[in-house]
């Protein structure tokens, strides 16, 4: 589930032309945690902060 939620967030950032670098700098989290294909895990609090920053409600993210 983690990777699927992270993938959805990164897809949304890409579609909205928001760079992972900007989000990482503003939220003070390592940019590697926002990139797919890295072994860095986006922790729950970081995930919620990214959702808040992007104005996404986490409960509306389509996770199977």
PDB file of N, CA and C in Angstrom:
ATOM      1  N   UNK A   1       0.821  -1.202   0.000  1.00  0.00           N
ATOM      2  CA  UNK A   1       0.000   0.000   0.000  1.00  0.00           C
ATOM      3  C   UNK A   1       0.862   1.263   0.000  1.00  0.00           C
ATOM      4  N   UNK A   2       1.938   1.251   0.742  1.00  0.00           N
ATOM      5  CA  UNK A   2       2.798   2.436   0.801  1.00  0.00           C
ATOM      6  C   UNK A   2       3.248   2.878  -0.579  1.00  0.00           C
ATOM      7  N   UNK A   3       3.777   1.927  -1.336  1.00  0.00           N
ATOM      8  CA  UNK A   3       4.301   2.269  -2.652  1.00  0.00           C
ATOM      9  C   UNK A   3       3.190   2.754  -3.573  1.00  0.00           C
ATOM     10  N   UNK A   4       2.002   2.166  -3.446  1.00  0.00           N
ATOM     11  CA  UNK A   4       0.879   2.568  -4.288  1.00  0.00           C
ATOM     12  C   UNK A   4       0.441   3.996  -3.963  1.00  0.00           C
ATOM     13  N   UNK A   5       0.379   4.350  -2.698  1.00  0.00           N
ATOM     14  CA  UNK A   5       0.009   5.710  -2.296  1.00  0.00           C
ATOM     15  C   UNK A   5       1.076   6.705  -2.731  1.00  0.00           C
ATOM     16  N   UNK A   6       2.332   6.322  -2.575  1.00  0.00           N
ATOM     17  CA  UNK A   6       3.439   7.188  -2.995  1.00  0.00           C
ATOM     18  C   UNK A   6       3.402   7.384  -4.509  1.00  0.00           C
ATOM     19  N   UNK A   7       3.131   6.329  -5.239  1.00  0.00           N
ATOM     20  CA  UNK A   7       3.041   6.429  -6.702  1.00  0.00           C
ATOM     21  C   UNK A   7       1.895   7.372  -7.091  1.00  0.00           C
ATOM     22  N   UNK A   8       0.749   7.266  -6.412  1.00  0.00           N
ATOM     23  CA  UNK A   8      -0.391   8.127  -6.721  1.00  0.00           C
ATOM     24  C   UNK A   8      -0.022   9.588  -6.467  1.00  0.00           C
ATOM     25  N   UNK A   9       0.628   9.850  -5.333  1.00  0.00           N
ATOM     26  CA  UNK A   9       1.034  11.229  -5.025  1.00  0.00           C
ATOM     27  C   UNK A   9       2.000  11.776  -6.068  1.00  0.00           C
ATOM     28  N   UNK A  10       2.978  10.991  -6.445  1.00  0.00           N
ATOM     29  CA  UNK A  10       3.943  11.473  -7.429  1.00  0.00           C
ATOM     30  C   UNK A  10       3.282  11.690  -8.791  1.00  0.00           C
ATOM     31  N   UNK A  11       2.326  10.841  -9.140  1.00  0.00           N
ATOM     32  CA  UNK A  11       1.576  11.050 -10.383  1.00  0.00           C
ATOM     33  C   UNK A  11       0.795  12.361 -10.336  1.00  0.00           C
ATOM     34  N   UNK A  12       0.178  12.638  -9.201  1.00  0.00           N
ATOM     35  CA  UNK A  12      -0.582  13.880  -9.054  1.00  0.00           C
ATOM     36  C   UNK A  12       0.329  15.096  -9.110  1.00  0.00           C
ATOM     37  N   UNK A  13       1.490  15.005  -8.497  1.00  0.00           N
ATOM     38  CA  UNK A  13       2.446  16.118  -8.551  1.00  0.00           C
ATOM     39  C   UNK A  13       2.868  16.358  -9.990  1.00  0.00           C
ATOM     40  N   UNK A  14       3.140  15.295 -10.710  1.00  0.00           N
ATOM     41  CA  UNK A  14       3.553  15.422 -12.109  1.00  0.00           C
ATOM     42  C   UNK A  14       2.439  16.039 -12.957  1.00  0.00           C
ATOM     43  N   UNK A  15       1.210  15.572 -12.779  1.00  0.00           N
ATOM     44  CA  UNK A  15       0.082  16.090 -13.559  1.00  0.00           C
ATOM     45  C   UNK A  15      -0.174  17.566 -13.273  1.00  0.00           C
ATOM     46  N   UNK A  16       0.120  17.984 -12.052  1.00  0.00           N
ATOM     47  CA  UNK A  16      -0.106  19.375 -11.658  1.00  0.00           C
ATOM     48  C   UNK A  16       1.159  20.229 -11.756  1.00  0.00           C
ATOM     49  N   UNK A  17       2.203  19.667 -12.379  1.00  0.00           N
ATOM     50  CA  UNK A  17       3.462  20.386 -12.616  1.00  0.00           C
ATOM     51  C   UNK A  17       4.077  20.914 -11.324  1.00  0.00           C
ATOM     52  N   UNK A  18       4.062  20.062 -10.301  1.00  0.00           N
ATOM     53  CA  UNK A  18       4.688  20.389  -9.019  1.00  0.00           C
ATOM     54  C   UNK A  18       5.879  19.458  -8.851  1.00  0.00           C
ATOM     55  N   UNK A  19       7.043  20.024  -8.691  1.00  0.00           N
ATOM     56  CA  UNK A  19       8.236  19.177  -8.609  1.00  0.00           C
ATOM     57  C   UNK A  19       8.407  18.603  -7.209  1.00  0.00           C
ATOM     58  N   UNK A  20       8.947  17.401  -7.178  1.00  0.00           N
ATOM     59  CA  UNK A  20       9.234  16.738  -5.905  1.00  0.00           C
ATOM     60  C   UNK A  20      10.247  17.551  -5.109  1.00  0.00           C
ATOM     61  N   UNK A  21      11.156  18.207  -5.797  1.00  0.00           N
ATOM     62  CA  UNK A  21      12.169  19.011  -5.127  1.00  0.00           C
ATOM     63  C   UNK A  21      11.541  20.169  -4.359  1.00  0.00           C
ATOM     64  N   UNK A  22      10.559  20.828  -4.957  1.00  0.00           N
ATOM     65  CA  UNK A  22       9.894  21.952  -4.290  1.00  0.00           C
ATOM     66  C   UNK A  22       9.149  21.454  -3.059  1.00  0.00           C
ATOM     67  N   UNK A  23       8.382  20.381  -3.211  1.00  0.00           N
ATOM     68  CA  UNK A  23       7.624  19.827  -2.083  1.00  0.00           C
ATOM     69  C   UNK A  23       8.585  19.413  -0.970  1.00  0.00           C
ATOM     70  N   UNK A  24       9.657  18.735  -1.331  1.00  0.00           N
ATOM     71  CA  UNK A  24      10.632  18.284  -0.336  1.00  0.00           C
ATOM     72  C   UNK A  24      11.266  19.462   0.398  1.00  0.00           C
ATOM     73  N   UNK A  25      11.604  20.518  -0.335  1.00  0.00           N
ATOM     74  CA  UNK A  25      12.209  21.689   0.299  1.00  0.00           C
ATOM     75  C   UNK A  25      11.243  22.391   1.237  1.00  0.00           C
ATOM     76  N   UNK A  26      10.009  22.575   0.801  1.00  0.00           N
ATOM     77  CA  UNK A  26       9.016  23.265   1.624  1.00  0.00           C
ATOM     78  C   UNK A  26       8.712  22.468   2.895  1.00  0.00           C
ATOM     79  N   UNK A  27       8.567  21.155   2.740  1.00  0.00           N
ATOM     80  CA  UNK A  27       8.191  20.310   3.873  1.00  0.00           C
ATOM     81  C   UNK A  27       9.383  19.765   4.646  1.00  0.00           C
ATOM     82  N   UNK A  28      10.589  20.062   4.158  1.00  0.00           N
ATOM     83  CA  UNK A  28      11.825  19.631   4.809  1.00  0.00           C
ATOM     84  C   UNK A  28      11.891  18.118   4.986  1.00  0.00           C
ATOM     85  N   UNK A  29      11.623  17.405   3.886  1.00  0.00           N
ATOM     86  CA  UNK A  29      11.794  15.959   3.861  1.00  0.00           C
ATOM     87  C   UNK A  29      12.743  15.622   2.713  1.00  0.00           C
ATOM     88  N   UNK A  30      13.473  14.534   2.809  1.00  0.00           N
ATOM     89  CA  UNK A  30      14.398  14.173   1.729  1.00  0.00           C
ATOM     90  C   UNK A  30      13.647  13.919   0.421  1.00  0.00           C
ATOM     91  N   UNK A  31      14.127  14.495  -0.657  1.00  0.00           N
ATOM     92  CA  UNK A  31      13.466  14.366  -1.955  1.00  0.00           C
ATOM     93  C   UNK A  31      13.393  12.904  -2.386  1.00  0.00           C
ATOM     94  N   UNK A  32      14.353  12.087  -1.966  1.00  0.00           N
ATOM     95  CA  UNK A  32      14.352  10.670  -2.335  1.00  0.00           C
ATOM     96  C   UNK A  32      13.089   9.961  -1.861  1.00  0.00           C
ATOM     97  N   UNK A  33      12.500  10.452  -0.779  1.00  0.00           N
ATOM     98  CA  UNK A  33      11.278   9.841  -0.256  1.00  0.00           C
ATOM     99  C   UNK A  33      10.068  10.111  -1.151  1.00  0.00           C
ATOM    100  N   UNK A  34      10.185  11.083  -2.047  1.00  0.00           N
ATOM    101  CA  UNK A  34       9.091  11.418  -2.956  1.00  0.00           C
ATOM    102  C   UNK A  34       9.283  10.844  -4.350  1.00  0.00           C
ATOM    103  N   UNK A  35      10.364  10.111  -4.528  1.00  0.00           N
ATOM    104  CA  UNK A  35      10.660   9.560  -5.843  1.00  0.00           C
ATOM    105  C   UNK A  35      10.372   8.065  -5.867  1.00  0.00           C
ATOM    106  N   UNK A  36       9.793   7.610  -6.966  1.00  0.00           N
ATOM    107  CA  UNK A  36       9.528   6.190  -7.161  1.00  0.00           C
ATOM    108  C   UNK A  36      10.832   5.496  -7.533  1.00  0.00           C
ATOM    109  N   UNK A  37      11.003   4.288  -7.044  1.00  0.00           N
ATOM    110  CA  UNK A  37      12.187   3.517  -7.388  1.00  0.00           C
ATOM    111  C   UNK A  37      13.338   3.681  -6.417  1.00  0.00           C
ATOM    112  N   UNK A  38      13.125   4.427  -5.349  1.00  0.00           N
ATOM    113  CA  UNK A  38      14.160   4.538  -4.323  1.00  0.00           C
ATOM    114  C   UNK A  38      13.766   3.637  -3.164  1.00  0.00           C
ATOM    115  N   UNK A  39      14.719   3.316  -2.327  1.00  0.00           N
ATOM    116  CA  UNK A  39      14.407   2.478  -1.173  1.00  0.00           C
ATOM    117  C   UNK A  39      13.992   3.302   0.041  1.00  0.00           C
ATOM    118  N   UNK A  40      13.866   4.600  -0.148  1.00  0.00           N
ATOM    119  CA  UNK A  40      13.454   5.489   0.942  1.00  0.00           C
ATOM    120  C   UNK A  40      11.938   5.434   1.110  1.00  0.00           C
ATOM    121  N   UNK A  41      11.484   5.286   2.330  1.00  0.00           N
ATOM    122  CA  UNK A  41      10.058   5.159   2.635  1.00  0.00           C
ATOM    123  C   UNK A  41       9.513   6.497   3.103  1.00  0.00           C
ATOM    124  N   UNK A  42       8.371   6.865   2.580  1.00  0.00           N
ATOM    125  CA  UNK A  42       7.674   8.070   3.024  1.00  0.00           C
ATOM    126  C   UNK A  42       6.876   7.691   4.266  1.00  0.00           C
ATOM    127  N   UNK A  43       7.280   8.218   5.414  1.00  0.00           N
ATOM    128  CA  UNK A  43       6.621   7.896   6.679  1.00  0.00           C
ATOM    129  C   UNK A  43       5.207   8.471   6.699  1.00  0.00           C
ATOM    130  N   UNK A  44       4.376   7.954   7.583  1.00  0.00           N
ATOM    131  CA  UNK A  44       2.961   8.341   7.640  1.00  0.00           C
ATOM    132  C   UNK A  44       2.799   9.843   7.860  1.00  0.00           C
ATOM    133  N   UNK A  45       3.552  10.426   8.791  1.00  0.00           N
ATOM    134  CA  UNK A  45       3.415  11.857   9.043  1.00  0.00           C
ATOM    135  C   UNK A  45       3.872  12.675   7.837  1.00  0.00           C
ATOM    136  N   UNK A  46       4.907  12.217   7.146  1.00  0.00           N
ATOM    137  CA  UNK A  46       5.366  12.905   5.946  1.00  0.00           C
ATOM    138  C   UNK A  46       4.316  12.801   4.841  1.00  0.00           C
ATOM    139  N   UNK A  47       3.739  11.619   4.692  1.00  0.00           N
ATOM    140  CA  UNK A  47       2.682  11.405   3.707  1.00  0.00           C
ATOM    141  C   UNK A  47       1.517  12.363   3.957  1.00  0.00           C
ATOM    142  N   UNK A  48       1.099  12.490   5.206  1.00  0.00           N
ATOM    143  CA  UNK A  48      -0.019  13.379   5.534  1.00  0.00           C
ATOM    144  C   UNK A  48       0.348  14.840   5.302  1.00  0.00           C
ATOM    145  N   UNK A  49       1.583  15.211   5.565  1.00  0.00           N
ATOM    146  CA  UNK A  49       2.020  16.589   5.300  1.00  0.00           C
ATOM    147  C   UNK A  49       2.032  16.883   3.811  1.00  0.00           C
ATOM    148  N   UNK A  50       2.464  15.905   3.007  1.00  0.00           N
ATOM    149  CA  UNK A  50       2.440  16.089   1.548  1.00  0.00           C
ATOM    150  C   UNK A  50       1.000  16.232   1.078  1.00  0.00           C
ATOM    151  N   UNK A  51       0.111  15.390   1.575  1.00  0.00           N
ATOM    152  CA  UNK A  51      -1.307  15.488   1.204  1.00  0.00           C
ATOM    153  C   UNK A  51      -1.865  16.869   1.547  1.00  0.00           C
ATOM    154  N   UNK A  52      -1.566  17.348   2.743  1.00  0.00           N
ATOM    155  CA  UNK A  52      -2.055  18.663   3.156  1.00  0.00           C
ATOM    156  C   UNK A  52      -1.490  19.761   2.265  1.00  0.00           C
ATOM    157  N   UNK A  53      -0.214  19.676   1.956  1.00  0.00           N
ATOM    158  CA  UNK A  53       0.427  20.679   1.107  1.00  0.00           C
ATOM    159  C   UNK A  53      -0.205  20.709  -0.283  1.00  0.00           C
ATOM    160  N   UNK A  54      -0.538  19.526  -0.810  1.00  0.00           N
ATOM    161  CA  UNK A  54      -1.114  19.433  -2.150  1.00  0.00           C
ATOM    162  C   UNK A  54      -2.643  19.550  -2.149  1.00  0.00           C
ATOM    163  N   UNK A  55      -3.222  19.703  -0.966  1.00  0.00           N
ATOM    164  CA  UNK A  55      -4.675  19.821  -0.802  1.00  0.00           C
ATOM    165  C   UNK A  55      -5.419  18.561  -1.246  1.00  0.00           C
ATOM    166  N   UNK A  56      -4.868  17.403  -0.889  1.00  0.00           N
ATOM    167  CA  UNK A  56      -5.503  16.121  -1.156  1.00  0.00           C
ATOM    168  C   UNK A  56      -5.962  15.528   0.173  1.00  0.00           C
ATOM    169  N   UNK A  57      -7.140  14.973   0.179  1.00  0.00           N
ATOM    170  CA  UNK A  57      -7.614  14.262   1.356  1.00  0.00           C
ATOM    171  C   UNK A  57      -7.130  12.818   1.242  1.00  0.00           C
ATOM    172  N   UNK A  58      -6.362  12.346   2.204  1.00  0.00           N
ATOM    173  CA  UNK A  58      -5.783  10.999   2.101  1.00  0.00           C
ATOM    174  C   UNK A  58      -6.842   9.908   1.958  1.00  0.00           C
ATOM    175  N   UNK A  59      -8.001  10.094   2.548  1.00  0.00           N
ATOM    176  CA  UNK A  59      -9.050   9.075   2.450  1.00  0.00           C
ATOM    177  C   UNK A  59      -9.657   8.981   1.045  1.00  0.00           C
ATOM    178  N   UNK A  60      -9.377   9.961   0.196  1.00  0.00           N
ATOM    179  CA  UNK A  60      -9.899   9.938  -1.172  1.00  0.00           C
ATOM    180  C   UNK A  60      -8.897   9.360  -2.176  1.00  0.00           C
ATOM    181  N   UNK A  61      -7.733   8.968  -1.713  1.00  0.00           N
ATOM    182  CA  UNK A  61      -6.730   8.396  -2.612  1.00  0.00           C
ATOM    183  C   UNK A  61      -7.161   6.973  -2.954  1.00  0.00           C
ATOM    184  N   UNK A  62      -7.263   6.669  -4.236  1.00  0.00           N
ATOM    185  CA  UNK A  62      -7.739   5.344  -4.644  1.00  0.00           C
ATOM    186  C   UNK A  62      -6.675   4.257  -4.440  1.00  0.00           C
ATOM    187  N   UNK A  63      -6.814   3.534  -3.346  1.00  0.00           N
ATOM    188  CA  UNK A  63      -5.893   2.444  -3.005  1.00  0.00           C
ATOM    189  C   UNK A  63      -6.686   1.140  -3.029  1.00  0.00           C
ATOM    190  N   UNK A  64      -6.150   0.158  -3.743  1.00  0.00           N
ATOM    191  CA  UNK A  64      -6.810  -1.147  -3.809  1.00  0.00           C
ATOM    192  C   UNK A  64      -6.544  -1.981  -2.588  1.00  0.00           C
TER     193      UNK A  64
END
